[in-house]
Amino acid sequence: MKRLVAAVATGAAVLAMVTGCGADDSESIKPIVHEIDSLRVEIEMESEAVDTHATDAKDHVESVKMTAEYVTPKLADLAEDSPSETRAFANAAHAWAEAVLTSRTAILDQVGEDPGTLALADVGLAARTLDQEAEDLGVGGWESVHDL
């Protein structure tokens, strides 16, 4: 049920986000924003679980990782097929998803003494880049991924 609510919220967010885009760009942006929102919803649920010290927090980290595994190749394809006007945004979305995937893999594998610290820094940099590309493109209703 939680996933159904998240899917409905994602659909609503996609519609809200693309309404501020130019007519020519919105069709190429919609699928990119959809994949971003799929990952965003999982990260928000993960953050809530971690913040409340929920016993299933690790399950949420795994869910973010699985979602990132799913959306990363889709975003790579979308970036490759994007028109020049939206390519930087699509590439930034792909880089962000890759960074999220790398960080969650590092956290789950407990790489090094401080699991995933460097990988999480990469997520922050990729998120800032994605937010900037969304702003430059004028994606309407954009919610910062850096604040996740």
Protein backbone atom coordinates (compact mmCIF):
# COMPACT_ATOMS: atom_id res chain seq x y z
CA MET A 1 0.00 0.00 0.00
CA LYS A 2 2.86 2.34 0.84
CA ARG A 3 4.34 1.81 -2.63
CA LEU A 4 0.97 2.49 -4.27
CA VAL A 5 0.69 5.80 -2.44
CA ALA A 6 4.27 6.60 -3.45
CA ALA A 7 3.48 5.79 -7.10
CA VAL A 8 0.43 8.07 -7.06
CA ALA A 9 2.46 10.84 -5.43
CA THR A 10 5.18 10.37 -8.04
CA GLY A 11 2.66 10.71 -10.85
CA ALA A 12 1.25 13.89 -9.34
CA ALA A 13 4.73 15.31 -8.83
CA VAL A 14 5.67 14.61 -12.44
CA LEU A 15 2.64 16.52 -13.69
CA ALA A 16 3.37 19.43 -11.38
CA MET A 17 7.01 19.59 -12.39
CA VAL A 18 6.61 19.65 -16.11
CA THR A 19 3.91 22.28 -16.29
CA GLY A 20 6.51 25.06 -16.10
CA CYS A 21 8.58 23.71 -19.00
CA GLY A 22 8.44 25.02 -22.54
CA ALA A 23 6.18 22.99 -24.82
CA ASP A 24 9.07 21.73 -26.92
CA ASP A 25 11.14 20.54 -23.96
CA SER A 26 8.41 19.13 -21.73
CA GLU A 27 7.95 15.91 -23.70
CA SER A 28 11.65 15.08 -23.44
CA ILE A 29 11.76 16.08 -19.77
CA LYS A 30 8.73 14.10 -18.56
CA PRO A 31 10.33 10.64 -18.63
CA ILE A 32 13.51 11.97 -17.01
CA VAL A 33 11.58 13.63 -14.19
CA HIS A 34 9.53 10.44 -13.76
CA GLU A 35 12.68 8.36 -13.18
CA ILE A 36 14.10 11.00 -10.83
CA ASP A 37 10.88 11.00 -8.83
CA SER A 38 10.87 7.21 -8.57
CA LEU A 39 14.23 7.42 -6.87
CA ARG A 40 13.28 10.54 -4.89
CA VAL A 41 10.29 8.77 -3.28
CA GLU A 42 12.47 5.86 -2.17
CA ILE A 43 15.10 8.22 -0.74
CA GLU A 44 12.44 10.14 1.19
CA MET A 45 11.11 6.90 2.73
CA GLU A 46 14.69 5.83 3.51
CA SER A 47 15.42 9.17 5.19
CA GLU A 48 12.30 8.90 7.31
CA ALA A 49 13.23 5.36 8.40
CA VAL A 50 16.79 6.37 9.26
CA ASP A 51 15.67 9.53 11.09
CA THR A 52 13.26 7.56 13.27
CA HIS A 53 15.75 4.73 13.80
CA ALA A 54 13.23 2.31 12.35
CA THR A 55 14.15 -1.34 12.55
CA ASP A 56 13.63 -1.68 8.79
CA ALA A 57 15.98 1.18 7.85
CA LYS A 58 18.37 -1.24 6.13
CA ASP A 59 15.47 -2.50 4.01
CA HIS A 60 14.87 1.08 2.87
CA VAL A 61 18.55 1.50 1.95
CA GLU A 62 18.28 -1.71 -0.09
CA SER A 63 15.12 -0.40 -1.72
CA VAL A 64 16.89 2.81 -2.74
CA LYS A 65 19.73 0.73 -4.16
CA MET A 66 17.33 -1.48 -6.15
CA THR A 67 15.45 1.54 -7.48
CA ALA A 68 18.73 3.20 -8.47
CA GLU A 69 19.76 -0.02 -10.24
CA TYR A 70 16.50 0.13 -12.17
CA VAL A 71 16.47 3.84 -13.11
CA THR A 72 20.18 4.34 -13.85
CA PRO A 73 20.22 2.50 -17.21
CA LYS A 74 16.88 4.06 -18.12
CA LEU A 75 18.30 7.51 -17.45
CA ALA A 76 21.40 6.64 -19.49
CA ASP A 77 19.16 5.77 -22.44
CA LEU A 78 17.09 8.91 -21.97
CA ALA A 79 20.26 11.04 -21.83
CA GLU A 80 21.53 9.45 -25.01
CA ASP A 81 18.24 10.13 -26.79
CA SER A 82 17.66 13.63 -25.39
CA PRO A 83 17.56 16.65 -27.67
CA SER A 84 20.47 19.04 -27.20
CA GLU A 85 18.32 21.47 -25.18
CA THR A 86 17.71 18.91 -22.43
CA ARG A 87 20.83 16.73 -22.68
CA ALA A 88 22.70 18.42 -19.82
CA PHE A 89 19.70 17.88 -17.54
CA ALA A 90 19.40 14.24 -18.61
CA ASN A 91 23.13 13.65 -18.11
CA ALA A 92 22.96 15.23 -14.66
CA ALA A 93 20.00 13.01 -13.75
CA HIS A 94 21.93 9.94 -14.86
CA ALA A 95 25.04 11.00 -12.90
CA TRP A 96 22.92 11.58 -9.78
CA ALA A 97 21.29 8.15 -10.03
CA GLU A 98 24.71 6.54 -10.48
CA ALA A 99 26.03 8.37 -7.43
CA VAL A 100 23.03 7.24 -5.37
CA LEU A 101 23.58 3.65 -6.52
CA THR A 102 27.30 3.79 -5.65
CA SER A 103 26.65 5.29 -2.23
CA ARG A 104 23.99 2.77 -1.24
CA THR A 105 26.15 -0.10 -2.47
CA ALA A 106 29.04 1.21 -0.35
CA ILE A 107 26.80 1.61 2.69
CA LEU A 108 25.36 -1.90 2.37
CA ASP A 109 28.78 -3.43 1.69
CA GLN A 110 30.30 -1.37 4.53
CA VAL A 111 33.32 -0.38 2.47
CA GLY A 112 36.13 1.18 4.50
CA GLU A 113 36.05 2.49 8.04
CA ASP A 114 33.32 5.03 7.36
CA PRO A 115 30.92 3.35 4.93
CA GLY A 116 30.05 5.40 1.95
CA THR A 117 31.28 8.82 3.16
CA LEU A 118 33.03 9.63 -0.10
CA ALA A 119 30.17 8.12 -2.08
CA LEU A 120 27.67 10.28 -0.19
CA ALA A 121 29.78 13.36 -0.99
CA ASP A 122 29.53 12.39 -4.66
CA VAL A 123 25.74 12.21 -4.30
CA GLY A 124 25.72 15.75 -2.90
CA LEU A 125 27.79 17.10 -5.79
CA ALA A 126 25.68 15.26 -8.37
CA ALA A 127 22.50 16.53 -6.69
CA ARG A 128 23.69 20.14 -6.80
CA THR A 129 24.53 19.73 -10.49
CA LEU A 130 21.11 18.21 -11.22
CA ASP A 131 19.34 21.00 -9.32
CA GLN A 132 21.31 23.61 -11.26
CA GLU A 133 20.50 21.98 -14.61
CA ALA A 134 16.81 21.86 -13.66
CA GLU A 135 16.94 25.56 -12.78
CA ASP A 136 18.78 26.43 -16.00
CA LEU A 137 16.23 24.50 -18.04
CA GLY A 138 13.33 26.06 -16.15
CA VAL A 139 11.76 22.83 -14.95
CA GLY A 140 8.58 24.03 -13.28
CA GLY A 141 7.80 22.89 -9.75
CA TRP A 142 11.27 21.36 -9.31
CA GLU A 143 11.98 20.06 -5.82
CA SER A 144 15.66 20.05 -4.93
CA VAL A 145 17.23 16.61 -4.84
CA HIS A 146 20.11 18.02 -2.82
CA ASP A 147 17.84 18.39 0.18
CA LEU A 148 16.97 14.68 0.28
